[in-house]
């Protein structure tokens, strides 16, 4: 699930007790993408292989 990080989302997070701002949320997102980049790449390869399998 992808979320849109906008000012309204950040404001709701802060209202619900989370001590975050836009820059912090962006960094959390980037860190998670970097940490799981191998898994993401494997998923892309798997999806490509599935498409190629059905094209034959």
PDB file of N, CA and C in Angstrom:
ATOM      1  N   UNK A   1       0.848  -1.166   0.000  1.00  0.00           N
ATOM      2  CA  UNK A   1       0.000   0.000   0.000  1.00  0.00           C
ATOM      3  C   UNK A   1       0.896   1.233   0.000  1.00  0.00           C
ATOM      4  N   UNK A   2       0.595   2.125  -0.890  1.00  0.00           N
ATOM      5  CA  UNK A   2       1.342   3.378  -0.948  1.00  0.00           C
ATOM      6  C   UNK A   2       0.503   4.476  -0.295  1.00  0.00           C
ATOM      7  N   UNK A   3       1.179   5.334   0.435  1.00  0.00           N
ATOM      8  CA  UNK A   3       0.489   6.448   1.073  1.00  0.00           C
ATOM      9  C   UNK A   3       1.039   7.740   0.497  1.00  0.00           C
ATOM     10  N   UNK A   4       0.186   8.705   0.437  1.00  0.00           N
ATOM     11  CA  UNK A   4       0.605  10.019  -0.031  1.00  0.00           C
ATOM     12  C   UNK A   4       0.987  10.857   1.190  1.00  0.00           C
ATOM     13  N   UNK A   5       2.231  11.293   1.207  1.00  0.00           N
ATOM     14  CA  UNK A   5       2.701  12.109   2.326  1.00  0.00           C
ATOM     15  C   UNK A   5       2.447  13.577   2.008  1.00  0.00           C
ATOM     16  N   UNK A   6       1.394  14.119   2.557  1.00  0.00           N
ATOM     17  CA  UNK A   6       1.114  15.532   2.379  1.00  0.00           C
ATOM     18  C   UNK A   6       0.938  16.180   3.754  1.00  0.00           C
ATOM     19  N   UNK A   7       0.727  17.469   3.752  1.00  0.00           N
ATOM     20  CA  UNK A   7       0.615  18.197   5.023  1.00  0.00           C
ATOM     21  C   UNK A   7      -0.544  17.700   5.874  1.00  0.00           C
ATOM     22  N   UNK A   8      -1.650  17.301   5.241  1.00  0.00           N
ATOM     23  CA  UNK A   8      -2.802  16.816   5.993  1.00  0.00           C
ATOM     24  C   UNK A   8      -2.473  15.509   6.710  1.00  0.00           C
ATOM     25  N   UNK A   9      -1.756  14.624   6.019  1.00  0.00           N
ATOM     26  CA  UNK A   9      -1.366  13.349   6.630  1.00  0.00           C
ATOM     27  C   UNK A   9      -0.434  13.590   7.815  1.00  0.00           C
ATOM     28  N   UNK A  10       0.550  14.453   7.628  1.00  0.00           N
ATOM     29  CA  UNK A  10       1.495  14.768   8.706  1.00  0.00           C
ATOM     30  C   UNK A  10       0.743  15.366   9.899  1.00  0.00           C
ATOM     31  N   UNK A  11      -0.196  16.253   9.622  1.00  0.00           N
ATOM     32  CA  UNK A  11      -0.982  16.869  10.697  1.00  0.00           C
ATOM     33  C   UNK A  11      -1.781  15.817  11.472  1.00  0.00           C
ATOM     34  N   UNK A  12      -2.390  14.871  10.775  1.00  0.00           N
ATOM     35  CA  UNK A  12      -3.145  13.803  11.443  1.00  0.00           C
ATOM     36  C   UNK A  12      -2.228  12.923  12.288  1.00  0.00           C
ATOM     37  N   UNK A  13      -1.036  12.627  11.774  1.00  0.00           N
ATOM     38  CA  UNK A  13      -0.073  11.835  12.546  1.00  0.00           C
ATOM     39  C   UNK A  13       0.277  12.564  13.836  1.00  0.00           C
ATOM     40  N   UNK A  14       0.521  13.863  13.741  1.00  0.00           N
ATOM     41  CA  UNK A  14       0.872  14.653  14.916  1.00  0.00           C
ATOM     42  C   UNK A  14      -0.289  14.727  15.906  1.00  0.00           C
ATOM     43  N   UNK A  15      -1.521  14.857  15.403  1.00  0.00           N
ATOM     44  CA  UNK A  15      -2.699  14.887  16.281  1.00  0.00           C
ATOM     45  C   UNK A  15      -2.861  13.574  17.036  1.00  0.00           C
ATOM     46  N   UNK A  16      -2.395  12.483  16.429  1.00  0.00           N
ATOM     47  CA  UNK A  16      -2.519  11.161  17.045  1.00  0.00           C
ATOM     48  C   UNK A  16      -1.301  10.783  17.878  1.00  0.00           C
ATOM     49  N   UNK A  17      -0.460  11.768  18.193  1.00  0.00           N
ATOM     50  CA  UNK A  17       0.615  11.542  19.141  1.00  0.00           C
ATOM     51  C   UNK A  17       1.956  11.150  18.554  1.00  0.00           C
ATOM     52  N   UNK A  18       2.079  11.133  17.232  1.00  0.00           N
ATOM     53  CA  UNK A  18       3.359  10.792  16.621  1.00  0.00           C
ATOM     54  C   UNK A  18       4.188  12.055  16.446  1.00  0.00           C
ATOM     55  N   UNK A  19       5.424  12.001  16.896  1.00  0.00           N
ATOM     56  CA  UNK A  19       6.319  13.148  16.802  1.00  0.00           C
ATOM     57  C   UNK A  19       7.084  13.063  15.484  1.00  0.00           C
ATOM     58  N   UNK A  20       6.420  13.436  14.380  1.00  0.00           N
ATOM     59  CA  UNK A  20       7.028  13.350  13.052  1.00  0.00           C
ATOM     60  C   UNK A  20       6.755  14.636  12.285  1.00  0.00           C
ATOM     61  N   UNK A  21       7.570  14.852  11.282  1.00  0.00           N
ATOM     62  CA  UNK A  21       7.314  15.906  10.318  1.00  0.00           C
ATOM     63  C   UNK A  21       7.544  15.304   8.929  1.00  0.00           C
ATOM     64  N   UNK A  22       7.321  16.096   7.890  1.00  0.00           N
ATOM     65  CA  UNK A  22       7.417  15.576   6.530  1.00  0.00           C
ATOM     66  C   UNK A  22       8.798  14.989   6.252  1.00  0.00           C
ATOM     67  N   UNK A  23       9.846  15.701   6.653  1.00  0.00           N
ATOM     68  CA  UNK A  23      11.211  15.223   6.387  1.00  0.00           C
ATOM     69  C   UNK A  23      11.480  13.895   7.084  1.00  0.00           C
ATOM     70  N   UNK A  24      10.994  13.737   8.308  1.00  0.00           N
ATOM     71  CA  UNK A  24      11.206  12.487   9.059  1.00  0.00           C
ATOM     72  C   UNK A  24      10.447  11.331   8.410  1.00  0.00           C
ATOM     73  N   UNK A  25       9.206  11.563   8.004  1.00  0.00           N
ATOM     74  CA  UNK A  25       8.440  10.511   7.331  1.00  0.00           C
ATOM     75  C   UNK A  25       9.086  10.115   6.005  1.00  0.00           C
ATOM     76  N   UNK A  26       9.587  11.104   5.279  1.00  0.00           N
ATOM     77  CA  UNK A  26      10.266  10.817   4.012  1.00  0.00           C
ATOM     78  C   UNK A  26      11.505   9.965   4.261  1.00  0.00           C
ATOM     79  N   UNK A  27      12.258  10.283   5.303  1.00  0.00           N
ATOM     80  CA  UNK A  27      13.466   9.515   5.617  1.00  0.00           C
ATOM     81  C   UNK A  27      13.122   8.092   6.037  1.00  0.00           C
ATOM     82  N   UNK A  28      12.057   7.922   6.810  1.00  0.00           N
ATOM     83  CA  UNK A  28      11.610   6.580   7.196  1.00  0.00           C
ATOM     84  C   UNK A  28      11.283   5.776   5.950  1.00  0.00           C
ATOM     85  N   UNK A  29      10.572   6.383   5.014  1.00  0.00           N
ATOM     86  CA  UNK A  29      10.203   5.700   3.770  1.00  0.00           C
ATOM     87  C   UNK A  29      11.452   5.319   2.973  1.00  0.00           C
ATOM     88  N   UNK A  30      12.368   6.259   2.798  1.00  0.00           N
ATOM     89  CA  UNK A  30      13.583   5.981   2.025  1.00  0.00           C
ATOM     90  C   UNK A  30      14.418   4.886   2.681  1.00  0.00           C
ATOM     91  N   UNK A  31      14.526   4.918   4.000  1.00  0.00           N
ATOM     92  CA  UNK A  31      15.271   3.879   4.716  1.00  0.00           C
ATOM     93  C   UNK A  31      14.650   2.506   4.493  1.00  0.00           C
ATOM     94  N   UNK A  32      13.322   2.441   4.525  1.00  0.00           N
ATOM     95  CA  UNK A  32      12.661   1.143   4.334  1.00  0.00           C
ATOM     96  C   UNK A  32      12.866   0.633   2.920  1.00  0.00           C
ATOM     97  N   UNK A  33      12.868   1.525   1.935  1.00  0.00           N
ATOM     98  CA  UNK A  33      13.087   1.110   0.549  1.00  0.00           C
ATOM     99  C   UNK A  33      14.527   0.627   0.371  1.00  0.00           C
ATOM    100  N   UNK A  34      15.469   1.320   0.962  1.00  0.00           N
ATOM    101  CA  UNK A  34      16.874   0.914   0.850  1.00  0.00           C
ATOM    102  C   UNK A  34      17.128  -0.406   1.567  1.00  0.00           C
ATOM    103  N   UNK A  35      16.517  -0.579   2.721  1.00  0.00           N
ATOM    104  CA  UNK A  35      16.721  -1.781   3.518  1.00  0.00           C
ATOM    105  C   UNK A  35      16.152  -3.013   2.811  1.00  0.00           C
ATOM    106  N   UNK A  36      15.096  -2.835   2.047  1.00  0.00           N
ATOM    107  CA  UNK A  36      14.431  -3.964   1.399  1.00  0.00           C
ATOM    108  C   UNK A  36      14.611  -3.949  -0.117  1.00  0.00           C
ATOM    109  N   UNK A  37      15.645  -3.281  -0.597  1.00  0.00           N
ATOM    110  CA  UNK A  37      15.833  -3.168  -2.042  1.00  0.00           C
ATOM    111  C   UNK A  37      16.032  -4.525  -2.703  1.00  0.00           C
ATOM    112  N   UNK A  38      16.692  -5.470  -2.036  1.00  0.00           N
ATOM    113  CA  UNK A  38      16.869  -6.811  -2.605  1.00  0.00           C
ATOM    114  C   UNK A  38      15.525  -7.510  -2.765  1.00  0.00           C
ATOM    115  N   UNK A  39      14.668  -7.398  -1.765  1.00  0.00           N
ATOM    116  CA  UNK A  39      13.340  -8.014  -1.845  1.00  0.00           C
ATOM    117  C   UNK A  39      12.511  -7.386  -2.960  1.00  0.00           C
ATOM    118  N   UNK A  40      12.617  -6.082  -3.113  1.00  0.00           N
ATOM    119  CA  UNK A  40      11.877  -5.383  -4.161  1.00  0.00           C
ATOM    120  C   UNK A  40      12.346  -5.855  -5.529  1.00  0.00           C
ATOM    121  N   UNK A  41      13.650  -5.960  -5.698  1.00  0.00           N
ATOM    122  CA  UNK A  41      14.208  -6.411  -6.976  1.00  0.00           C
ATOM    123  C   UNK A  41      13.787  -7.847  -7.277  1.00  0.00           C
ATOM    124  N   UNK A  42      13.807  -8.705  -6.279  1.00  0.00           N
ATOM    125  CA  UNK A  42      13.367 -10.093  -6.478  1.00  0.00           C
ATOM    126  C   UNK A  42      11.905 -10.135  -6.916  1.00  0.00           C
ATOM    127  N   UNK A  43      11.091  -9.280  -6.343  1.00  0.00           N
ATOM    128  CA  UNK A  43       9.678  -9.219  -6.715  1.00  0.00           C
ATOM    129  C   UNK A  43       9.491  -8.781  -8.153  1.00  0.00           C
ATOM    130  N   UNK A  44      10.302  -7.821  -8.602  1.00  0.00           N
ATOM    131  CA  UNK A  44      10.228  -7.371  -9.992  1.00  0.00           C
ATOM    132  C   UNK A  44      10.626  -8.489 -10.942  1.00  0.00           C
ATOM    133  N   UNK A  45      11.683  -9.205 -10.604  1.00  0.00           N
ATOM    134  CA  UNK A  45      12.143 -10.319 -11.438  1.00  0.00           C
ATOM    135  C   UNK A  45      11.080 -11.409 -11.471  1.00  0.00           C
ATOM    136  N   UNK A  46      10.498 -11.714 -10.339  1.00  0.00           N
ATOM    137  CA  UNK A  46       9.451 -12.738 -10.260  1.00  0.00           C
ATOM    138  C   UNK A  46       8.251 -12.346 -11.128  1.00  0.00           C
ATOM    139  N   UNK A  47       7.844 -11.092 -11.070  1.00  0.00           N
ATOM    140  CA  UNK A  47       6.713 -10.617 -11.868  1.00  0.00           C
ATOM    141  C   UNK A  47       7.032 -10.689 -13.356  1.00  0.00           C
ATOM    142  N   UNK A  48       8.249 -10.329 -13.732  1.00  0.00           N
ATOM    143  CA  UNK A  48       8.658 -10.406 -15.132  1.00  0.00           C
ATOM    144  C   UNK A  48       8.648 -11.847 -15.609  1.00  0.00           C
ATOM    145  N   UNK A  49       9.164 -12.751 -14.809  1.00  0.00           N
ATOM    146  CA  UNK A  49       9.170 -14.171 -15.171  1.00  0.00           C
ATOM    147  C   UNK A  49       7.752 -14.704 -15.342  1.00  0.00           C
ATOM    148  N   UNK A  50       6.837 -14.277 -14.496  1.00  0.00           N
ATOM    149  CA  UNK A  50       5.441 -14.709 -14.614  1.00  0.00           C
ATOM    150  C   UNK A  50       4.837 -14.210 -15.920  1.00  0.00           C
ATOM    151  N   UNK A  51       5.109 -12.949 -16.267  1.00  0.00           N
ATOM    152  CA  UNK A  51       4.579 -12.406 -17.521  1.00  0.00           C
ATOM    153  C   UNK A  51       5.142 -13.147 -18.715  1.00  0.00           C
ATOM    154  N   UNK A  52       6.446 -13.419 -18.686  1.00  0.00           N
ATOM    155  CA  UNK A  52       7.080 -14.122 -19.804  1.00  0.00           C
ATOM    156  C   UNK A  52       6.549 -15.542 -19.924  1.00  0.00           C
ATOM    157  N   UNK A  53       6.257 -16.163 -18.806  1.00  0.00           N
ATOM    158  CA  UNK A  53       5.745 -17.531 -18.807  1.00  0.00           C
ATOM    159  C   UNK A  53       4.407 -17.604 -19.547  1.00  0.00           C
ATOM    160  N   UNK A  54       3.571 -16.594 -19.372  1.00  0.00           N
ATOM    161  CA  UNK A  54       2.244 -16.607 -19.987  1.00  0.00           C
ATOM    162  C   UNK A  54       2.251 -16.069 -21.414  1.00  0.00           C
ATOM    163  N   UNK A  55       3.344 -15.461 -21.856  1.00  0.00           N
ATOM    164  CA  UNK A  55       3.423 -14.964 -23.231  1.00  0.00           C
ATOM    165  C   UNK A  55       3.772 -16.062 -24.217  1.00  0.00           C
ATOM    166  N   UNK A  56       4.361 -17.150 -23.746  1.00  0.00           N
ATOM    167  CA  UNK A  56       4.766 -18.240 -24.652  1.00  0.00           C
ATOM    168  C   UNK A  56       3.613 -18.967 -25.232  1.00  0.00           C
TER     169      UNK A  56
END
